[in-house]
Amino acid sequence: MNIIFAILMVSIIFVIAMMLQRVFQGPTIYDRMNGLGVIGADTILLLVLFGYIDQRPDMYVDIAISYAMLGFVGSVIVAKYLGGKNI
């Protein structure tokens, strides 16, 4: 089972690398924001998979949930900044 998790982790790291290309070379700011969102979601998946490989999923799931909340709040703040000041 650890081999399957390791293969999944390598494939997720490959997706993160592709999204980094989108973040740095994206034609619009929305493409860059989308790339950052995908990187955040994939990082959460990596944390959970690493928790199962380390046989401590409870600790890593807590860290992943905290990272998800911070990522959500950060993306809402950036979206509000990009959207303008008027309500």
PDB file of N, CA and C in Angstrom:
ATOM      1  N   MET A   1       0.826  -1.194   0.000  1.00  0.00           N
ATOM      2  CA  MET A   1       0.000   0.000   0.000  1.00  0.00           C
ATOM      3  C   MET A   1       0.871   1.260   0.000  1.00  0.00           C
ATOM      4  N   ASN A   2       2.021   1.186   0.683  1.00  0.00           N
ATOM      5  CA  ASN A   2       2.907   2.347   0.698  1.00  0.00           C
ATOM      6  C   ASN A   2       3.452   2.665  -0.686  1.00  0.00           C
ATOM      7  N   ILE A   3       3.597   1.635  -1.527  1.00  0.00           N
ATOM      8  CA  ILE A   3       4.090   1.872  -2.881  1.00  0.00           C
ATOM      9  C   ILE A   3       3.065   2.681  -3.675  1.00  0.00           C
ATOM     10  N   ILE A   4       1.793   2.357  -3.499  1.00  0.00           N
ATOM     11  CA  ILE A   4       0.735   3.106  -4.187  1.00  0.00           C
ATOM     12  C   ILE A   4       0.717   4.554  -3.708  1.00  0.00           C
ATOM     13  N   PHE A   5       0.851   4.750  -2.403  1.00  0.00           N
ATOM     14  CA  PHE A   5       0.881   6.108  -1.864  1.00  0.00           C
ATOM     15  C   PHE A   5       2.092   6.869  -2.375  1.00  0.00           C
ATOM     16  N   ALA A   6       3.230   6.201  -2.499  1.00  0.00           N
ATOM     17  CA  ALA A   6       4.434   6.866  -3.006  1.00  0.00           C
ATOM     18  C   ALA A   6       4.256   7.256  -4.470  1.00  0.00           C
ATOM     19  N   ILE A   7       3.639   6.385  -5.261  1.00  0.00           N
ATOM     20  CA  ILE A   7       3.376   6.721  -6.667  1.00  0.00           C
ATOM     21  C   ILE A   7       2.414   7.903  -6.762  1.00  0.00           C
ATOM     22  N   LEU A   8       1.403   7.923  -5.913  1.00  0.00           N
ATOM     23  CA  LEU A   8       0.470   9.059  -5.896  1.00  0.00           C
ATOM     24  C   LEU A   8       1.177  10.351  -5.502  1.00  0.00           C
ATOM     25  N   MET A   9       2.082  10.261  -4.538  1.00  0.00           N
ATOM     26  CA  MET A   9       2.806  11.453  -4.116  1.00  0.00           C
ATOM     27  C   MET A   9       3.678  11.997  -5.245  1.00  0.00           C
ATOM     28  N   VAL A  10       4.336  11.118  -5.979  1.00  0.00           N
ATOM     29  CA  VAL A  10       5.175  11.567  -7.098  1.00  0.00           C
ATOM     30  C   VAL A  10       4.314  12.220  -8.180  1.00  0.00           C
ATOM     31  N   SER A  11       3.155  11.631  -8.458  1.00  0.00           N
ATOM     32  CA  SER A  11       2.291  12.224  -9.476  1.00  0.00           C
ATOM     33  C   SER A  11       1.731  13.572  -9.022  1.00  0.00           C
ATOM     34  N   ILE A  12       1.432  13.716  -7.749  1.00  0.00           N
ATOM     35  CA  ILE A  12       0.939  14.999  -7.236  1.00  0.00           C
ATOM     36  C   ILE A  12       2.049  16.044  -7.286  1.00  0.00           C
ATOM     37  N   ILE A  13       3.275  15.649  -7.002  1.00  0.00           N
ATOM     38  CA  ILE A  13       4.399  16.580  -7.107  1.00  0.00           C
ATOM     39  C   ILE A  13       4.587  17.021  -8.555  1.00  0.00           C
ATOM     40  N   PHE A  14       4.354  16.111  -9.507  1.00  0.00           N
ATOM     41  CA  PHE A  14       4.426  16.476 -10.926  1.00  0.00           C
ATOM     42  C   PHE A  14       3.343  17.502 -11.276  1.00  0.00           C
ATOM     43  N   VAL A  15       2.140  17.327 -10.743  1.00  0.00           N
ATOM     44  CA  VAL A  15       1.060  18.292 -10.991  1.00  0.00           C
ATOM     45  C   VAL A  15       1.403  19.648 -10.375  1.00  0.00           C
ATOM     46  N   ILE A  16       2.009  19.636  -9.199  1.00  0.00           N
ATOM     47  CA  ILE A  16       2.422  20.891  -8.572  1.00  0.00           C
ATOM     48  C   ILE A  16       3.459  21.599  -9.433  1.00  0.00           C
ATOM     49  N   ALA A  17       4.376  20.843 -10.013  1.00  0.00           N
ATOM     50  CA  ALA A  17       5.387  21.451 -10.895  1.00  0.00           C
ATOM     51  C   ALA A  17       4.733  22.076 -12.126  1.00  0.00           C
ATOM     52  N   MET A  18       3.729  21.405 -12.681  1.00  0.00           N
ATOM     53  CA  MET A  18       3.032  21.983 -13.832  1.00  0.00           C
ATOM     54  C   MET A  18       2.279  23.250 -13.434  1.00  0.00           C
ATOM     55  N   MET A  19       1.702  23.260 -12.255  1.00  0.00           N
ATOM     56  CA  MET A  19       0.975  24.442 -11.811  1.00  0.00           C
ATOM     57  C   MET A  19       1.925  25.588 -11.474  1.00  0.00           C
ATOM     58  N   LEU A  20       3.135  25.274 -11.036  1.00  0.00           N
ATOM     59  CA  LEU A  20       4.115  26.341 -10.821  1.00  0.00           C
ATOM     60  C   LEU A  20       4.448  27.032 -12.134  1.00  0.00           C
ATOM     61  N   GLN A  21       4.489  26.263 -13.202  1.00  0.00           N
ATOM     62  CA  GLN A  21       4.692  26.868 -14.509  1.00  0.00           C
ATOM     63  C   GLN A  21       3.535  27.807 -14.841  1.00  0.00           C
ATOM     64  N   ARG A  22       2.310  27.404 -14.516  1.00  0.00           N
ATOM     65  CA  ARG A  22       1.135  28.242 -14.761  1.00  0.00           C
ATOM     66  C   ARG A  22       1.179  29.498 -13.894  1.00  0.00           C
ATOM     67  N   VAL A  23       1.661  29.358 -12.664  1.00  0.00           N
ATOM     68  CA  VAL A  23       1.734  30.521 -11.775  1.00  0.00           C
ATOM     69  C   VAL A  23       2.744  31.532 -12.303  1.00  0.00           C
ATOM     70  N   PHE A  24       3.890  31.073 -12.786  1.00  0.00           N
ATOM     71  CA  PHE A  24       4.928  31.992 -13.231  1.00  0.00           C
ATOM     72  C   PHE A  24       4.705  32.509 -14.650  1.00  0.00           C
ATOM     73  N   GLN A  25       4.040  31.737 -15.510  1.00  0.00           N
ATOM     74  CA  GLN A  25       3.876  32.145 -16.896  1.00  0.00           C
ATOM     75  C   GLN A  25       2.422  32.388 -17.287  1.00  0.00           C
ATOM     76  N   GLY A  26       1.533  32.442 -16.305  1.00  0.00           N
ATOM     77  CA  GLY A  26       0.121  32.621 -16.616  1.00  0.00           C
ATOM     78  C   GLY A  26      -0.133  33.931 -17.327  1.00  0.00           C
ATOM     79  N   PRO A  27      -0.970  33.904 -18.364  1.00  0.00           N
ATOM     80  CA  PRO A  27      -1.219  35.150 -19.090  1.00  0.00           C
ATOM     81  C   PRO A  27      -2.036  36.159 -18.272  1.00  0.00           C
ATOM     82  N   THR A  28      -2.907  35.688 -17.397  1.00  0.00           N
ATOM     83  CA  THR A  28      -3.709  36.619 -16.600  1.00  0.00           C
ATOM     84  C   THR A  28      -3.524  36.303 -15.117  1.00  0.00           C
ATOM     85  N   ILE A  29      -3.960  37.230 -14.306  1.00  0.00           N
ATOM     86  CA  ILE A  29      -3.862  37.040 -12.861  1.00  0.00           C
ATOM     87  C   ILE A  29      -4.784  35.922 -12.393  1.00  0.00           C
ATOM     88  N   TYR A  30      -5.870  35.690 -13.125  1.00  0.00           N
ATOM     89  CA  TYR A  30      -6.811  34.643 -12.739  1.00  0.00           C
ATOM     90  C   TYR A  30      -6.233  33.258 -12.980  1.00  0.00           C
ATOM     91  N   ASP A  31      -5.419  33.116 -14.033  1.00  0.00           N
ATOM     92  CA  ASP A  31      -4.718  31.856 -14.248  1.00  0.00           C
ATOM     93  C   ASP A  31      -3.730  31.602 -13.115  1.00  0.00           C
ATOM     94  N   ARG A  32      -3.079  32.639 -12.669  1.00  0.00           N
ATOM     95  CA  ARG A  32      -2.119  32.497 -11.573  1.00  0.00           C
ATOM     96  C   ARG A  32      -2.819  32.147 -10.260  1.00  0.00           C
ATOM     97  N   MET A  33      -3.971  32.772 -10.024  1.00  0.00           N
ATOM     98  CA  MET A  33      -4.737  32.444  -8.813  1.00  0.00           C
ATOM     99  C   MET A  33      -5.247  31.007  -8.858  1.00  0.00           C
ATOM    100  N   ASN A  34      -5.679  30.561 -10.031  1.00  0.00           N
ATOM    101  CA  ASN A  34      -6.130  29.188 -10.188  1.00  0.00           C
ATOM    102  C   ASN A  34      -4.988  28.220  -9.930  1.00  0.00           C
ATOM    103  N   GLY A  35      -3.804  28.535 -10.434  1.00  0.00           N
ATOM    104  CA  GLY A  35      -2.641  27.699 -10.182  1.00  0.00           C
ATOM    105  C   GLY A  35      -2.302  27.623  -8.706  1.00  0.00           C
ATOM    106  N   LEU A  36      -2.389  28.741  -8.016  1.00  0.00           N
ATOM    107  CA  LEU A  36      -2.119  28.734  -6.571  1.00  0.00           C
ATOM    108  C   LEU A  36      -3.157  27.915  -5.814  1.00  0.00           C
ATOM    109  N   GLY A  37      -4.398  27.966  -6.243  1.00  0.00           N
ATOM    110  CA  GLY A  37      -5.435  27.164  -5.600  1.00  0.00           C
ATOM    111  C   GLY A  37      -5.201  25.677  -5.774  1.00  0.00           C
ATOM    112  N   VAL A  38      -4.788  25.284  -6.973  1.00  0.00           N
ATOM    113  CA  VAL A  38      -4.507  23.869  -7.226  1.00  0.00           C
ATOM    114  C   VAL A  38      -3.290  23.420  -6.425  1.00  0.00           C
ATOM    115  N   ILE A  39      -2.278  24.280  -6.328  1.00  0.00           N
ATOM    116  CA  ILE A  39      -1.100  23.936  -5.537  1.00  0.00           C
ATOM    117  C   ILE A  39      -1.480  23.756  -4.071  1.00  0.00           C
ATOM    118  N   GLY A  40      -2.355  24.619  -3.561  1.00  0.00           N
ATOM    119  CA  GLY A  40      -2.799  24.480  -2.173  1.00  0.00           C
ATOM    120  C   GLY A  40      -3.555  23.185  -1.932  1.00  0.00           C
ATOM    121  N   ALA A  41      -4.440  22.831  -2.845  1.00  0.00           N
ATOM    122  CA  ALA A  41      -5.204  21.586  -2.707  1.00  0.00           C
ATOM    123  C   ALA A  41      -4.292  20.369  -2.804  1.00  0.00           C
ATOM    124  N   ASP A  42      -3.329  20.423  -3.717  1.00  0.00           N
ATOM    125  CA  ASP A  42      -2.408  19.299  -3.856  1.00  0.00           C
ATOM    126  C   ASP A  42      -1.484  19.174  -2.650  1.00  0.00           C
ATOM    127  N   THR A  43      -1.124  20.284  -2.039  1.00  0.00           N
ATOM    128  CA  THR A  43      -0.312  20.237  -0.831  1.00  0.00           C
ATOM    129  C   THR A  43      -1.076  19.566   0.307  1.00  0.00           C
ATOM    130  N   ILE A  44      -2.355  19.834   0.383  1.00  0.00           N
ATOM    131  CA  ILE A  44      -3.187  19.179   1.392  1.00  0.00           C
ATOM    132  C   ILE A  44      -3.219  17.675   1.156  1.00  0.00           C
ATOM    133  N   LEU A  45      -3.372  17.269  -0.103  1.00  0.00           N
ATOM    134  CA  LEU A  45      -3.342  15.837  -0.429  1.00  0.00           C
ATOM    135  C   LEU A  45      -2.000  15.208  -0.086  1.00  0.00           C
ATOM    136  N   LEU A  46      -0.918  15.927  -0.359  1.00  0.00           N
ATOM    137  CA  LEU A  46       0.407  15.405  -0.019  1.00  0.00           C
ATOM    138  C   LEU A  46       0.564  15.202   1.487  1.00  0.00           C
ATOM    139  N   LEU A  47       0.060  16.141   2.257  1.00  0.00           N
ATOM    140  CA  LEU A  47       0.140  16.009   3.713  1.00  0.00           C
ATOM    141  C   LEU A  47      -0.606  14.775   4.208  1.00  0.00           C
ATOM    142  N   VAL A  48      -1.791  14.557   3.687  1.00  0.00           N
ATOM    143  CA  VAL A  48      -2.580  13.405   4.123  1.00  0.00           C
ATOM    144  C   VAL A  48      -1.915  12.098   3.690  1.00  0.00           C
ATOM    145  N   LEU A  49      -1.430  12.043   2.462  1.00  0.00           N
ATOM    146  CA  LEU A  49      -0.750  10.829   1.997  1.00  0.00           C
ATOM    147  C   LEU A  49       0.510  10.556   2.804  1.00  0.00           C
ATOM    148  N   PHE A  50       1.262  11.600   3.116  1.00  0.00           N
ATOM    149  CA  PHE A  50       2.459  11.409   3.934  1.00  0.00           C
ATOM    150  C   PHE A  50       2.092  10.929   5.331  1.00  0.00           C
ATOM    151  N   GLY A  51       0.951  11.391   5.843  1.00  0.00           N
ATOM    152  CA  GLY A  51       0.490  10.911   7.143  1.00  0.00           C
ATOM    153  C   GLY A  51       0.201   9.424   7.138  1.00  0.00           C
ATOM    154  N   TYR A  52      -0.380   8.916   6.048  1.00  0.00           N
ATOM    155  CA  TYR A  52      -0.642   7.486   5.971  1.00  0.00           C
ATOM    156  C   TYR A  52       0.639   6.685   5.788  1.00  0.00           C
ATOM    157  N   ILE A  53       1.605   7.237   5.075  1.00  0.00           N
ATOM    158  CA  ILE A  53       2.879   6.539   4.940  1.00  0.00           C
ATOM    159  C   ILE A  53       3.615   6.514   6.279  1.00  0.00           C
ATOM    160  N   ASP A  54       3.542   7.613   7.022  1.00  0.00           N
ATOM    161  CA  ASP A  54       4.201   7.716   8.326  1.00  0.00           C
ATOM    162  C   ASP A  54       3.424   7.002   9.427  1.00  0.00           C
ATOM    163  N   GLN A  55       2.233   6.528   9.125  1.00  0.00           N
ATOM    164  CA  GLN A  55       1.327   5.841  10.053  1.00  0.00           C
ATOM    165  C   GLN A  55       0.895   6.733  11.211  1.00  0.00           C
ATOM    166  N   ARG A  56       0.779   8.030  10.936  1.00  0.00           N
ATOM    167  CA  ARG A  56       0.245   8.999  11.880  1.00  0.00           C
ATOM    168  C   ARG A  56      -0.727   9.927  11.163  1.00  0.00           C
ATOM    169  N   PRO A  57      -1.813   9.367  10.577  1.00  0.00           N
ATOM    170  CA  PRO A  57      -2.693  10.229   9.767  1.00  0.00           C
ATOM    171  C   PRO A  57      -3.419  11.280  10.590  1.00  0.00           C
ATOM    172  N   ASP A  58      -3.659  11.010  11.873  1.00  0.00           N
ATOM    173  CA  ASP A  58      -4.405  11.983  12.678  1.00  0.00           C
ATOM    174  C   ASP A  58      -3.658  13.302  12.810  1.00  0.00           C
ATOM    175  N   MET A  59      -2.358  13.237  13.018  1.00  0.00           N
ATOM    176  CA  MET A  59      -1.577  14.457  13.163  1.00  0.00           C
ATOM    177  C   MET A  59      -1.508  15.228  11.846  1.00  0.00           C
ATOM    178  N   TYR A  60      -1.286  14.525  10.745  1.00  0.00           N
ATOM    179  CA  TYR A  60      -1.139  15.190   9.457  1.00  0.00           C
ATOM    180  C   TYR A  60      -2.472  15.703   8.925  1.00  0.00           C
ATOM    181  N   VAL A  61      -3.558  15.055   9.259  1.00  0.00           N
ATOM    182  CA  VAL A  61      -4.868  15.559   8.839  1.00  0.00           C
ATOM    183  C   VAL A  61      -5.165  16.871   9.559  1.00  0.00           C
ATOM    184  N   ASP A  62      -4.795  16.979  10.831  1.00  0.00           N
ATOM    185  CA  ASP A  62      -4.982  18.243  11.544  1.00  0.00           C
ATOM    186  C   ASP A  62      -4.166  19.364  10.904  1.00  0.00           C
ATOM    187  N   ILE A  63      -2.940  19.056  10.522  1.00  0.00           N
ATOM    188  CA  ILE A  63      -2.103  20.054   9.859  1.00  0.00           C
ATOM    189  C   ILE A  63      -2.707  20.425   8.509  1.00  0.00           C
ATOM    190  N   ALA A  64      -3.226  19.443   7.775  1.00  0.00           N
ATOM    191  CA  ALA A  64      -3.835  19.712   6.466  1.00  0.00           C
ATOM    192  C   ALA A  64      -5.077  20.583   6.599  1.00  0.00           C
ATOM    193  N   ILE A  65      -5.878  20.351   7.627  1.00  0.00           N
ATOM    194  CA  ILE A  65      -7.072  21.172   7.835  1.00  0.00           C
ATOM    195  C   ILE A  65      -6.674  22.612   8.152  1.00  0.00           C
ATOM    196  N   SER A  66      -5.651  22.786   8.978  1.00  0.00           N
ATOM    197  CA  SER A  66      -5.174  24.137   9.285  1.00  0.00           C
ATOM    198  C   SER A  66      -4.653  24.830   8.032  1.00  0.00           C
ATOM    199  N   TYR A  67      -3.919  24.098   7.211  1.00  0.00           N
ATOM    200  CA  TYR A  67      -3.401  24.667   5.964  1.00  0.00           C
ATOM    201  C   TYR A  67      -4.541  25.031   5.023  1.00  0.00           C
ATOM    202  N   ALA A  68      -5.581  24.217   4.985  1.00  0.00           N
ATOM    203  CA  ALA A  68      -6.726  24.503   4.122  1.00  0.00           C
ATOM    204  C   ALA A  68      -7.450  25.773   4.570  1.00  0.00           C
ATOM    205  N   MET A  69      -7.609  25.933   5.878  1.00  0.00           N
ATOM    206  CA  MET A  69      -8.276  27.145   6.367  1.00  0.00           C
ATOM    207  C   MET A  69      -7.467  28.390   6.055  1.00  0.00           C
ATOM    208  N   LEU A  70      -6.146  28.319   6.245  1.00  0.00           N
ATOM    209  CA  LEU A  70      -5.307  29.466   5.926  1.00  0.00           C
ATOM    210  C   LEU A  70      -5.327  29.772   4.425  1.00  0.00           C
ATOM    211  N   GLY A  71      -5.316  28.740   3.615  1.00  0.00           N
ATOM    212  CA  GLY A  71      -5.370  28.947   2.167  1.00  0.00           C
ATOM    213  C   GLY A  71      -6.678  29.561   1.725  1.00  0.00           C
ATOM    214  N   PHE A  72      -7.776  29.140   2.334  1.00  0.00           N
ATOM    215  CA  PHE A  72      -9.083  29.702   1.987  1.00  0.00           C
ATOM    216  C   PHE A  72      -9.152  31.175   2.360  1.00  0.00           C
ATOM    217  N   VAL A  73      -8.739  31.499   3.567  1.00  0.00           N
ATOM    218  CA  VAL A  73      -8.785  32.889   4.009  1.00  0.00           C
ATOM    219  C   VAL A  73      -7.867  33.747   3.136  1.00  0.00           C
ATOM    220  N   GLY A  74      -6.698  33.223   2.811  1.00  0.00           N
ATOM    221  CA  GLY A  74      -5.780  33.974   1.960  1.00  0.00           C
ATOM    222  C   GLY A  74      -6.331  34.215   0.569  1.00  0.00           C
ATOM    223  N   SER A  75      -6.975  33.214  -0.012  1.00  0.00           N
ATOM    224  CA  SER A  75      -7.524  33.396  -1.353  1.00  0.00           C
ATOM    225  C   SER A  75      -8.726  34.339  -1.342  1.00  0.00           C
ATOM    226  N   VAL A  76      -9.507  34.331  -0.279  1.00  0.00           N
ATOM    227  CA  VAL A  76     -10.624  35.284  -0.174  1.00  0.00           C
ATOM    228  C   VAL A  76     -10.093  36.706  -0.069  1.00  0.00           C
ATOM    229  N   ILE A  77      -9.021  36.895   0.688  1.00  0.00           N
ATOM    230  CA  ILE A  77      -8.439  38.240   0.829  1.00  0.00           C
ATOM    231  C   ILE A  77      -7.880  38.718  -0.508  1.00  0.00           C
ATOM    232  N   VAL A  78      -7.172  37.850  -1.219  1.00  0.00           N
ATOM    233  CA  VAL A  78      -6.611  38.239  -2.514  1.00  0.00           C
ATOM    234  C   VAL A  78      -7.730  38.502  -3.524  1.00  0.00           C
ATOM    235  N   ALA A  79      -8.786  37.700  -3.506  1.00  0.00           N
ATOM    236  CA  ALA A  79      -9.903  37.925  -4.427  1.00  0.00           C
ATOM    237  C   ALA A  79     -10.599  39.251  -4.122  1.00  0.00           C
ATOM    238  N   LYS A  80     -10.734  39.582  -2.858  1.00  0.00           N
ATOM    239  CA  LYS A  80     -11.347  40.862  -2.504  1.00  0.00           C
ATOM    240  C   LYS A  80     -10.456  42.014  -2.963  1.00  0.00           C
ATOM    241  N   TYR A  81      -9.146  41.849  -2.833  1.00  0.00           N
ATOM    242  CA  TYR A  81      -8.222  42.891  -3.278  1.00  0.00           C
ATOM    243  C   TYR A  81      -8.290  43.051  -4.797  1.00  0.00           C
ATOM    244  N   LEU A  82      -8.337  41.943  -5.535  1.00  0.00           N
ATOM    245  CA  LEU A  82      -8.388  42.024  -6.989  1.00  0.00           C
ATOM    246  C   LEU A  82      -9.744  42.512  -7.483  1.00  0.00           C
ATOM    247  N   GLY A  83     -10.799  42.230  -6.718  1.00  0.00           N
ATOM    248  CA  GLY A  83     -12.131  42.613  -7.135  1.00  0.00           C
ATOM    249  C   GLY A  83     -12.427  44.087  -7.004  1.00  0.00           C
ATOM    250  N   GLY A  84     -11.687  44.781  -6.207  1.00  0.00           N
ATOM    251  CA  GLY A  84     -11.925  46.211  -6.032  1.00  0.00           C
ATOM    252  C   GLY A  84     -12.402  46.515  -4.628  1.00  0.00           C
ATOM    253  N   LYS A  85     -12.539  47.790  -4.356  1.00  0.00           N
ATOM    254  CA  LYS A  85     -12.894  48.236  -2.997  1.00  0.00           C
ATOM    255  C   LYS A  85     -14.396  48.382  -2.805  1.00  0.00           C
ATOM    256  N   ASN A  86     -15.173  48.561  -3.870  1.00  0.00           N
ATOM    257  CA  ASN A  86     -16.600  48.781  -3.682  1.00  0.00           C
ATOM    258  C   ASN A  86     -17.336  47.477  -3.404  1.00  0.00           C
ATOM    259  N   ILE A  87     -18.359  47.578  -2.579  1.00  0.00           N
ATOM    260  CA  ILE A  87     -19.112  46.405  -2.151  1.00  0.00           C
ATOM    261  C   ILE A  87     -20.351  46.242  -2.990  1.00  0.00           C
TER     262      ILE A  87
END
